[in-house]
Amino acid sequence: MNVLPVVRPRQLIRALERAGFVVHHVRGSHYYLRHPQKSGLLITVPYHNRDLKRGTNPVAFRLRYLKAPRDIAVVKAAAERTKWEGRPSPNPSAMAPH
């Protein structure tokens, strides 16, 4: 099984820029990059202060930080519609509240 390396957001943005992508815009903590020759291709790179650990359940991660009932309902509905099944993290402390 291949193990993906942890890549910092800045490293990923630089690699994408070397591949021809340009930063289209920044909204909050997310960078949106487009490729000039490939219209319609948009890549979003979250630029946060911390790395998201491998094995972190993205649905649980989002739900942990949401407060608005409507936002929570949207994430739950999307997870249900896509039949998302989270799997336990290899590191039980990865999802522990900070």
PDB file of N, CA and C in Angstrom:
ATOM      1  N   MET A   1       0.838  -1.181   0.000  1.00  0.00           N
ATOM      2  CA  MET A   1       0.000   0.000   0.000  1.00  0.00           C
ATOM      3  C   MET A   1       0.884   1.247   0.000  1.00  0.00           C
ATOM      4  N   ASN A   2       0.581   2.185  -0.873  1.00  0.00           N
ATOM      5  CA  ASN A   2       1.337   3.436  -0.924  1.00  0.00           C
ATOM      6  C   ASN A   2       0.885   4.354   0.199  1.00  0.00           C
ATOM      7  N   VAL A   3       1.822   5.028   0.802  1.00  0.00           N
ATOM      8  CA  VAL A   3       1.520   5.980   1.853  1.00  0.00           C
ATOM      9  C   VAL A   3       1.758   7.373   1.288  1.00  0.00           C
ATOM     10  N   LEU A   4       0.725   8.193   1.346  1.00  0.00           N
ATOM     11  CA  LEU A   4       0.858   9.557   0.848  1.00  0.00           C
ATOM     12  C   LEU A   4       1.633  10.397   1.849  1.00  0.00           C
ATOM     13  N   PRO A   5       2.538  11.222   1.373  1.00  0.00           N
ATOM     14  CA  PRO A   5       3.294  12.069   2.298  1.00  0.00           C
ATOM     15  C   PRO A   5       2.438  13.239   2.773  1.00  0.00           C
ATOM     16  N   VAL A   6       2.789  13.774   3.923  1.00  0.00           N
ATOM     17  CA  VAL A   6       2.150  14.986   4.407  1.00  0.00           C
ATOM     18  C   VAL A   6       2.789  16.146   3.663  1.00  0.00           C
ATOM     19  N   VAL A   7       1.981  16.945   2.996  1.00  0.00           N
ATOM     20  CA  VAL A   7       2.487  18.077   2.222  1.00  0.00           C
ATOM     21  C   VAL A   7       1.880  19.345   2.799  1.00  0.00           C
ATOM     22  N   ARG A   8       2.719  20.272   3.058  1.00  0.00           N
ATOM     23  CA  ARG A   8       2.232  21.562   3.569  1.00  0.00           C
ATOM     24  C   ARG A   8       1.582  22.340   2.431  1.00  0.00           C
ATOM     25  N   PRO A   9       0.600  23.178   2.751  1.00  0.00           N
ATOM     26  CA  PRO A   9      -0.113  23.914   1.696  1.00  0.00           C
ATOM     27  C   PRO A   9       0.818  24.721   0.793  1.00  0.00           C
ATOM     28  N   ARG A  10       1.803  25.378   1.377  1.00  0.00           N
ATOM     29  CA  ARG A  10       2.715  26.195   0.570  1.00  0.00           C
ATOM     30  C   ARG A  10       3.475  25.331  -0.440  1.00  0.00           C
ATOM     31  N   GLN A  11       3.899  24.140  -0.019  1.00  0.00           N
ATOM     32  CA  GLN A  11       4.604  23.228  -0.924  1.00  0.00           C
ATOM     33  C   GLN A  11       3.691  22.816  -2.080  1.00  0.00           C
ATOM     34  N   LEU A  12       2.427  22.527  -1.777  1.00  0.00           N
ATOM     35  CA  LEU A  12       1.487  22.109  -2.807  1.00  0.00           C
ATOM     36  C   LEU A  12       1.226  23.243  -3.796  1.00  0.00           C
ATOM     37  N   ILE A  13       1.058  24.451  -3.297  1.00  0.00           N
ATOM     38  CA  ILE A  13       0.811  25.592  -4.180  1.00  0.00           C
ATOM     39  C   ILE A  13       2.016  25.817  -5.088  1.00  0.00           C
ATOM     40  N   ARG A  14       3.218  25.740  -4.550  1.00  0.00           N
ATOM     41  CA  ARG A  14       4.426  25.919  -5.381  1.00  0.00           C
ATOM     42  C   ARG A  14       4.537  24.836  -6.447  1.00  0.00           C
ATOM     43  N   ALA A  15       4.222  23.596  -6.086  1.00  0.00           N
ATOM     44  CA  ALA A  15       4.274  22.503  -7.065  1.00  0.00           C
ATOM     45  C   ALA A  15       3.248  22.726  -8.171  1.00  0.00           C
ATOM     46  N   LEU A  16       2.059  23.181  -7.805  1.00  0.00           N
ATOM     47  CA  LEU A  16       1.033  23.450  -8.811  1.00  0.00           C
ATOM     48  C   LEU A  16       1.442  24.614  -9.712  1.00  0.00           C
ATOM     49  N   GLU A  17       2.082  25.629  -9.133  1.00  0.00           N
ATOM     50  CA  GLU A  17       2.555  26.751  -9.942  1.00  0.00           C
ATOM     51  C   GLU A  17       3.638  26.296 -10.919  1.00  0.00           C
ATOM     52  N   ARG A  18       4.514  25.396 -10.492  1.00  0.00           N
ATOM     53  CA  ARG A  18       5.525  24.860 -11.409  1.00  0.00           C
ATOM     54  C   ARG A  18       4.872  24.065 -12.533  1.00  0.00           C
ATOM     55  N   ALA A  19       3.695  23.499 -12.262  1.00  0.00           N
ATOM     56  CA  ALA A  19       2.969  22.735 -13.276  1.00  0.00           C
ATOM     57  C   ALA A  19       2.121  23.640 -14.173  1.00  0.00           C
ATOM     58  N   GLY A  20       2.210  24.956 -13.970  1.00  0.00           N
ATOM     59  CA  GLY A  20       1.507  25.887 -14.849  1.00  0.00           C
ATOM     60  C   GLY A  20       0.263  26.524 -14.258  1.00  0.00           C
ATOM     61  N   PHE A  21      -0.142  26.138 -13.055  1.00  0.00           N
ATOM     62  CA  PHE A  21      -1.322  26.726 -12.432  1.00  0.00           C
ATOM     63  C   PHE A  21      -0.988  28.117 -11.905  1.00  0.00           C
ATOM     64  N   VAL A  22      -1.995  28.963 -11.843  1.00  0.00           N
ATOM     65  CA  VAL A  22      -1.840  30.301 -11.271  1.00  0.00           C
ATOM     66  C   VAL A  22      -2.920  30.497 -10.211  1.00  0.00           C
ATOM     67  N   VAL A  23      -2.586  31.268  -9.181  1.00  0.00           N
ATOM     68  CA  VAL A  23      -3.569  31.558  -8.144  1.00  0.00           C
ATOM     69  C   VAL A  23      -4.622  32.468  -8.757  1.00  0.00           C
ATOM     70  N   HIS A  24      -5.839  31.986  -8.819  1.00  0.00           N
ATOM     71  CA  HIS A  24      -6.956  32.746  -9.392  1.00  0.00           C
ATOM     72  C   HIS A  24      -7.491  33.729  -8.360  1.00  0.00           C
ATOM     73  N   HIS A  25      -7.753  33.212  -7.150  1.00  0.00           N
ATOM     74  CA  HIS A  25      -8.180  34.089  -6.061  1.00  0.00           C
ATOM     75  C   HIS A  25      -8.010  33.362  -4.735  1.00  0.00           C
ATOM     76  N   VAL A  26      -8.122  34.135  -3.666  1.00  0.00           N
ATOM     77  CA  VAL A  26      -8.040  33.590  -2.312  1.00  0.00           C
ATOM     78  C   VAL A  26      -9.321  34.006  -1.602  1.00  0.00           C
ATOM     79  N   ARG A  27      -9.937  33.032  -0.949  1.00  0.00           N
ATOM     80  CA  ARG A  27     -11.166  33.330  -0.209  1.00  0.00           C
ATOM     81  C   ARG A  27     -11.022  32.717   1.178  1.00  0.00           C
ATOM     82  N   GLY A  28     -10.920  33.566   2.173  1.00  0.00           N
ATOM     83  CA  GLY A  28     -10.697  33.065   3.526  1.00  0.00           C
ATOM     84  C   GLY A  28      -9.348  32.394   3.607  1.00  0.00           C
ATOM     85  N   SER A  29      -9.340  31.131   4.000  1.00  0.00           N
ATOM     86  CA  SER A  29      -8.080  30.405   4.125  1.00  0.00           C
ATOM     87  C   SER A  29      -7.892  29.396   2.994  1.00  0.00           C
ATOM     88  N   HIS A  30      -8.572  29.611   1.870  1.00  0.00           N
ATOM     89  CA  HIS A  30      -8.463  28.697   0.734  1.00  0.00           C
ATOM     90  C   HIS A  30      -7.938  29.423  -0.506  1.00  0.00           C
ATOM     91  N   TYR A  31      -6.963  28.789  -1.164  1.00  0.00           N
ATOM     92  CA  TYR A  31      -6.409  29.309  -2.414  1.00  0.00           C
ATOM     93  C   TYR A  31      -7.064  28.553  -3.564  1.00  0.00           C
ATOM     94  N   TYR A  32      -7.478  29.279  -4.599  1.00  0.00           N
ATOM     95  CA  TYR A  32      -8.098  28.683  -5.780  1.00  0.00           C
ATOM     96  C   TYR A  32      -7.151  28.893  -6.955  1.00  0.00           C
ATOM     97  N   LEU A  33      -6.724  27.796  -7.557  1.00  0.00           N
ATOM     98  CA  LEU A  33      -5.770  27.873  -8.659  1.00  0.00           C
ATOM     99  C   LEU A  33      -6.411  27.355  -9.939  1.00  0.00           C
ATOM    100  N   ARG A  34      -6.090  28.026 -11.051  1.00  0.00           N
ATOM    101  CA  ARG A  34      -6.580  27.617 -12.368  1.00  0.00           C
ATOM    102  C   ARG A  34      -5.388  27.412 -13.288  1.00  0.00           C
ATOM    103  N   HIS A  35      -5.611  26.588 -14.303  1.00  0.00           N
ATOM    104  CA  HIS A  35      -4.583  26.362 -15.319  1.00  0.00           C
ATOM    105  C   HIS A  35      -5.005  27.126 -16.575  1.00  0.00           C
ATOM    106  N   PRO A  36      -4.124  27.963 -17.140  1.00  0.00           N
ATOM    107  CA  PRO A  36      -4.501  28.793 -18.293  1.00  0.00           C
ATOM    108  C   PRO A  36      -4.962  27.994 -19.521  1.00  0.00           C
ATOM    109  N   GLN A  37      -4.357  26.839 -19.782  1.00  0.00           N
ATOM    110  CA  GLN A  37      -4.721  26.075 -20.973  1.00  0.00           C
ATOM    111  C   GLN A  37      -5.848  25.078 -20.728  1.00  0.00           C
ATOM    112  N   LYS A  38      -6.202  24.835 -19.492  1.00  0.00           N
ATOM    113  CA  LYS A  38      -7.238  23.842 -19.175  1.00  0.00           C
ATOM    114  C   LYS A  38      -8.419  24.547 -18.525  1.00  0.00           C
ATOM    115  N   SER A  39      -9.270  25.129 -19.364  1.00  0.00           N
ATOM    116  CA  SER A  39     -10.397  25.890 -18.826  1.00  0.00           C
ATOM    117  C   SER A  39     -11.323  24.961 -18.045  1.00  0.00           C
ATOM    118  N   GLY A  40     -11.875  25.463 -17.012  1.00  0.00           N
ATOM    119  CA  GLY A  40     -12.775  24.683 -16.190  1.00  0.00           C
ATOM    120  C   GLY A  40     -12.086  23.903 -15.079  1.00  0.00           C
ATOM    121  N   LEU A  41     -10.765  23.864 -15.092  1.00  0.00           N
ATOM    122  CA  LEU A  41     -10.030  23.130 -14.062  1.00  0.00           C
ATOM    123  C   LEU A  41      -9.688  24.084 -12.924  1.00  0.00           C
ATOM    124  N   LEU A  42     -10.287  23.853 -11.785  1.00  0.00           N
ATOM    125  CA  LEU A  42     -10.070  24.688 -10.608  1.00  0.00           C
ATOM    126  C   LEU A  42      -9.646  23.776  -9.464  1.00  0.00           C
ATOM    127  N   ILE A  43      -8.550  24.107  -8.826  1.00  0.00           N
ATOM    128  CA  ILE A  43      -8.060  23.329  -7.687  1.00  0.00           C
ATOM    129  C   ILE A  43      -8.105  24.216  -6.453  1.00  0.00           C
ATOM    130  N   THR A  44      -8.685  23.685  -5.393  1.00  0.00           N
ATOM    131  CA  THR A  44      -8.787  24.398  -4.126  1.00  0.00           C
ATOM    132  C   THR A  44      -7.769  23.813  -3.155  1.00  0.00           C
ATOM    133  N   VAL A  45      -6.984  24.689  -2.546  1.00  0.00           N
ATOM    134  CA  VAL A  45      -5.987  24.256  -1.565  1.00  0.00           C
ATOM    135  C   VAL A  45      -6.303  24.951  -0.240  1.00  0.00           C
ATOM    136  N   PRO A  46      -6.688  24.182   0.794  1.00  0.00           N
ATOM    137  CA  PRO A  46      -6.903  24.796   2.103  1.00  0.00           C
ATOM    138  C   PRO A  46      -5.563  25.199   2.701  1.00  0.00           C
ATOM    139  N   TYR A  47      -5.496  26.393   3.231  1.00  0.00           N
ATOM    140  CA  TYR A  47      -4.251  26.909   3.789  1.00  0.00           C
ATOM    141  C   TYR A  47      -4.500  27.222   5.265  1.00  0.00           C
ATOM    142  N   HIS A  48      -4.332  26.203   6.108  1.00  0.00           N
ATOM    143  CA  HIS A  48      -4.603  26.341   7.534  1.00  0.00           C
ATOM    144  C   HIS A  48      -3.298  26.319   8.316  1.00  0.00           C
ATOM    145  N   ASN A  49      -3.387  26.659   9.586  1.00  0.00           N
ATOM    146  CA  ASN A  49      -2.206  26.698  10.444  1.00  0.00           C
ATOM    147  C   ASN A  49      -1.692  25.315  10.804  1.00  0.00           C
ATOM    148  N   ARG A  50      -2.508  24.300  10.606  1.00  0.00           N
ATOM    149  CA  ARG A  50      -2.101  22.960  11.013  1.00  0.00           C
ATOM    150  C   ARG A  50      -2.334  21.974   9.874  1.00  0.00           C
ATOM    151  N   ASP A  51      -1.629  20.872   9.931  1.00  0.00           N
ATOM    152  CA  ASP A  51      -1.822  19.812   8.954  1.00  0.00           C
ATOM    153  C   ASP A  51      -3.016  18.968   9.375  1.00  0.00           C
ATOM    154  N   LEU A  52      -3.775  18.492   8.399  1.00  0.00           N
ATOM    155  CA  LEU A  52      -4.843  17.550   8.667  1.00  0.00           C
ATOM    156  C   LEU A  52      -4.211  16.165   8.626  1.00  0.00           C
ATOM    157  N   LYS A  53      -4.254  15.471   9.726  1.00  0.00           N
ATOM    158  CA  LYS A  53      -3.570  14.187   9.830  1.00  0.00           C
ATOM    159  C   LYS A  53      -4.184  13.165   8.878  1.00  0.00           C
ATOM    160  N   ARG A  54      -3.337  12.290   8.351  1.00  0.00           N
ATOM    161  CA  ARG A  54      -3.827  11.183   7.544  1.00  0.00           C
ATOM    162  C   ARG A  54      -4.733  10.329   8.397  1.00  0.00           C
ATOM    163  N   GLY A  55      -5.836   9.877   7.824  1.00  0.00           N
ATOM    164  CA  GLY A  55      -6.764   9.028   8.555  1.00  0.00           C
ATOM    165  C   GLY A  55      -7.868   9.795   9.249  1.00  0.00           C
ATOM    166  N   THR A  56      -7.807  11.125   9.214  1.00  0.00           N
ATOM    167  CA  THR A  56      -8.851  11.920   9.836  1.00  0.00           C
ATOM    168  C   THR A  56     -10.113  11.830   8.994  1.00  0.00           C
ATOM    169  N   ASN A  57     -11.224  11.547   9.627  1.00  0.00           N
ATOM    170  CA  ASN A  57     -12.500  11.473   8.939  1.00  0.00           C
ATOM    171  C   ASN A  57     -12.940  12.897   8.596  1.00  0.00           C
ATOM    172  N   PRO A  58     -13.021  13.267   7.306  1.00  0.00           N
ATOM    173  CA  PRO A  58     -13.340  14.648   6.950  1.00  0.00           C
ATOM    174  C   PRO A  58     -14.734  15.088   7.379  1.00  0.00           C
ATOM    175  N   VAL A  59     -15.691  14.159   7.410  1.00  0.00           N
ATOM    176  CA  VAL A  59     -17.042  14.526   7.844  1.00  0.00           C
ATOM    177  C   VAL A  59     -17.024  14.862   9.330  1.00  0.00           C
ATOM    178  N   ALA A  60     -16.408  14.007  10.132  1.00  0.00           N
ATOM    179  CA  ALA A  60     -16.330  14.268  11.571  1.00  0.00           C
ATOM    180  C   ALA A  60     -15.539  15.544  11.849  1.00  0.00           C
ATOM    181  N   PHE A  61     -14.492  15.773  11.073  1.00  0.00           N
ATOM    182  CA  PHE A  61     -13.685  16.985  11.243  1.00  0.00           C
ATOM    183  C   PHE A  61     -14.535  18.234  11.017  1.00  0.00           C
ATOM    184  N   ARG A  62     -15.324  18.229   9.938  1.00  0.00           N
ATOM    185  CA  ARG A  62     -16.169  19.385   9.643  1.00  0.00           C
ATOM    186  C   ARG A  62     -17.238  19.578  10.715  1.00  0.00           C
ATOM    187  N   LEU A  63     -17.890  18.488  11.090  1.00  0.00           N
ATOM    188  CA  LEU A  63     -18.961  18.581  12.086  1.00  0.00           C
ATOM    189  C   LEU A  63     -18.446  19.099  13.425  1.00  0.00           C
ATOM    190  N   ARG A  64     -17.205  18.775  13.732  1.00  0.00           N
ATOM    191  CA  ARG A  64     -16.642  19.205  15.015  1.00  0.00           C
ATOM    192  C   ARG A  64     -16.567  20.727  15.117  1.00  0.00           C
ATOM    193  N   TYR A  65     -16.376  21.407  13.981  1.00  0.00           N
ATOM    194  CA  TYR A  65     -16.184  22.857  14.014  1.00  0.00           C
ATOM    195  C   TYR A  65     -17.405  23.657  13.586  1.00  0.00           C
ATOM    196  N   LEU A  66     -18.460  23.001  13.168  1.00  0.00           N
ATOM    197  CA  LEU A  66     -19.663  23.723  12.743  1.00  0.00           C
ATOM    198  C   LEU A  66     -20.553  24.020  13.935  1.00  0.00           C
ATOM    199  N   LYS A  67     -21.195  25.173  13.889  1.00  0.00           N
ATOM    200  CA  LYS A  67     -22.098  25.578  14.964  1.00  0.00           C
ATOM    201  C   LYS A  67     -23.540  25.726  14.454  1.00  0.00           C
ATOM    202  N   ALA A  68     -23.702  26.244  13.233  1.00  0.00           N
ATOM    203  CA  ALA A  68     -25.029  26.527  12.701  1.00  0.00           C
ATOM    204  C   ALA A  68     -25.752  25.219  12.350  1.00  0.00           C
ATOM    205  N   PRO A  69     -26.980  25.052  12.830  1.00  0.00           N
ATOM    206  CA  PRO A  69     -27.736  23.829  12.553  1.00  0.00           C
ATOM    207  C   PRO A  69     -27.895  23.549  11.058  1.00  0.00           C
ATOM    208  N   ARG A  70     -28.058  24.587  10.249  1.00  0.00           N
ATOM    209  CA  ARG A  70     -28.222  24.384   8.805  1.00  0.00           C
ATOM    210  C   ARG A  70     -26.938  23.825   8.188  1.00  0.00           C
ATOM    211  N   ASP A  71     -25.792  24.355   8.609  1.00  0.00           N
ATOM    212  CA  ASP A  71     -24.510  23.863   8.091  1.00  0.00           C
ATOM    213  C   ASP A  71     -24.299  22.398   8.468  1.00  0.00           C
ATOM    214  N   ILE A  72     -24.640  22.061   9.703  1.00  0.00           N
ATOM    215  CA  ILE A  72     -24.508  20.676  10.164  1.00  0.00           C
ATOM    216  C   ILE A  72     -25.406  19.769   9.339  1.00  0.00           C
ATOM    217  N   ALA A  73     -26.634  20.212   9.081  1.00  0.00           N
ATOM    218  CA  ALA A  73     -27.577  19.410   8.293  1.00  0.00           C
ATOM    219  C   ALA A  73     -27.075  19.200   6.864  1.00  0.00           C
ATOM    220  N   VAL A  74     -26.447  20.215   6.281  1.00  0.00           N
ATOM    221  CA  VAL A  74     -25.922  20.104   4.920  1.00  0.00           C
ATOM    222  C   VAL A  74     -24.809  19.064   4.862  1.00  0.00           C
ATOM    223  N   VAL A  75     -23.877  19.106   5.806  1.00  0.00           N
ATOM    224  CA  VAL A  75     -22.774  18.146   5.814  1.00  0.00           C
ATOM    225  C   VAL A  75     -23.306  16.731   6.028  1.00  0.00           C
ATOM    226  N   LYS A  76     -24.247  16.571   6.956  1.00  0.00           N
ATOM    227  CA  LYS A  76     -24.817  15.246   7.210  1.00  0.00           C
ATOM    228  C   LYS A  76     -25.572  14.728   5.982  1.00  0.00           C
ATOM    229  N   ALA A  77     -26.333  15.614   5.320  1.00  0.00           N
ATOM    230  CA  ALA A  77     -27.074  15.198   4.129  1.00  0.00           C
ATOM    231  C   ALA A  77     -26.120  14.791   3.001  1.00  0.00           C
ATOM    232  N   ALA A  78     -25.033  15.543   2.828  1.00  0.00           N
ATOM    233  CA  ALA A  78     -24.055  15.205   1.786  1.00  0.00           C
ATOM    234  C   ALA A  78     -23.396  13.862   2.093  1.00  0.00           C
ATOM    235  N   ALA A  79     -23.071  13.628   3.352  1.00  0.00           N
ATOM    236  CA  ALA A  79     -22.459  12.358   3.731  1.00  0.00           C
ATOM    237  C   ALA A  79     -23.424  11.202   3.505  1.00  0.00           C
ATOM    238  N   GLU A  80     -24.675  11.418   3.831  1.00  0.00           N
ATOM    239  CA  GLU A  80     -25.677  10.370   3.636  1.00  0.00           C
ATOM    240  C   GLU A  80     -25.921  10.103   2.156  1.00  0.00           C
ATOM    241  N   ARG A  81     -26.017  11.170   1.380  1.00  0.00           N
ATOM    242  CA  ARG A  81     -26.280  11.024  -0.063  1.00  0.00           C
ATOM    243  C   ARG A  81     -25.152  10.281  -0.775  1.00  0.00           C
ATOM    244  N   THR A  82     -23.913  10.532  -0.351  1.00  0.00           N
ATOM    245  CA  THR A  82     -22.771   9.870  -0.980  1.00  0.00           C
ATOM    246  C   THR A  82     -22.445   8.534  -0.318  1.00  0.00           C
ATOM    247  N   LYS A  83     -23.272   8.152   0.667  1.00  0.00           N
ATOM    248  CA  LYS A  83     -23.066   6.901   1.411  1.00  0.00           C
ATOM    249  C   LYS A  83     -21.674   6.851   2.040  1.00  0.00           C
ATOM    250  N   TRP A  84     -21.272   7.987   2.612  1.00  0.00           N
ATOM    251  CA  TRP A  84     -19.955   8.096   3.237  1.00  0.00           C
ATOM    252  C   TRP A  84     -19.888   7.185   4.445  1.00  0.00           C
ATOM    253  N   GLU A  85     -18.835   6.402   4.506  1.00  0.00           N
ATOM    254  CA  GLU A  85     -18.591   5.550   5.659  1.00  0.00           C
ATOM    255  C   GLU A  85     -17.207   5.880   6.196  1.00  0.00           C
ATOM    256  N   GLY A  86     -17.185   6.528   7.315  1.00  0.00           N
ATOM    257  CA  GLY A  86     -15.901   6.833   7.929  1.00  0.00           C
ATOM    258  C   GLY A  86     -15.282   5.557   8.465  1.00  0.00           C
ATOM    259  N   ARG A  87     -13.980   5.541   8.532  1.00  0.00           N
ATOM    260  CA  ARG A  87     -13.315   4.383   9.108  1.00  0.00           C
ATOM    261  C   ARG A  87     -12.524   4.859  10.307  1.00  0.00           C
ATOM    262  N   PRO A  88     -12.308   3.996  11.246  1.00  0.00           N
ATOM    263  CA  PRO A  88     -11.583   4.434  12.443  1.00  0.00           C
ATOM    264  C   PRO A  88     -10.163   4.861  12.104  1.00  0.00           C
ATOM    265  N   SER A  89      -9.730   5.882  12.761  1.00  0.00           N
ATOM    266  CA  SER A  89      -8.379   6.377  12.552  1.00  0.00           C
ATOM    267  C   SER A  89      -7.382   5.391  13.142  1.00  0.00           C
ATOM    268  N   PRO A  90      -6.218   5.225  12.483  1.00  0.00           N
ATOM    269  CA  PRO A  90      -5.195   4.367  13.084  1.00  0.00           C
ATOM    270  C   PRO A  90      -4.661   4.947  14.387  1.00  0.00           C
ATOM    271  N   ASN A  91      -4.885   6.249  14.573  1.00  0.00           N
ATOM    272  CA  ASN A  91      -4.441   6.915  15.782  1.00  0.00           C
ATOM    273  C   ASN A  91      -5.688   7.439  16.494  1.00  0.00           C
ATOM    274  N   PRO A  92      -6.184   6.759  17.539  1.00  0.00           N
ATOM    275  CA  PRO A  92      -7.417   7.175  18.206  1.00  0.00           C
ATOM    276  C   PRO A  92      -7.371   8.607  18.730  1.00  0.00           C
ATOM    277  N   SER A  93      -6.203   9.131  19.052  1.00  0.00           N
ATOM    278  CA  SER A  93      -6.118  10.498  19.563  1.00  0.00           C
ATOM    279  C   SER A  93      -6.208  11.529  18.454  1.00  0.00           C
ATOM    280  N   ALA A  94      -6.223  11.105  17.186  1.00  0.00           N
ATOM    281  CA  ALA A  94      -6.263  12.049  16.068  1.00  0.00           C
ATOM    282  C   ALA A  94      -7.550  12.855  16.064  1.00  0.00           C
ATOM    283  N   MET A  95      -8.643  12.269  16.523  1.00  0.00           N
ATOM    284  CA  MET A  95      -9.918  12.966  16.526  1.00  0.00           C
ATOM    285  C   MET A  95     -10.288  13.496  17.915  1.00  0.00           C
ATOM    286  N   ALA A  96      -9.380  13.409  18.860  1.00  0.00           N
ATOM    287  CA  ALA A  96      -9.656  13.910  20.201  1.00  0.00           C
ATOM    288  C   ALA A  96      -9.803  15.416  20.154  1.00  0.00           C
ATOM    289  N   PRO A  97     -10.774  15.968  20.892  1.00  0.00           N
ATOM    290  CA  PRO A  97     -10.947  17.434  20.927  1.00  0.00           C
ATOM    291  C   PRO A  97      -9.691  18.103  21.455  1.00  0.00           C
ATOM    292  N   HIS A  98      -9.395  19.252  20.895  1.00  0.00           N
ATOM    293  CA  HIS A  98      -8.194  20.001  21.305  1.00  0.00           C
ATOM    294  C   HIS A  98      -8.520  20.988  22.388  1.00  0.00           C
TER     295      HIS A  98
END
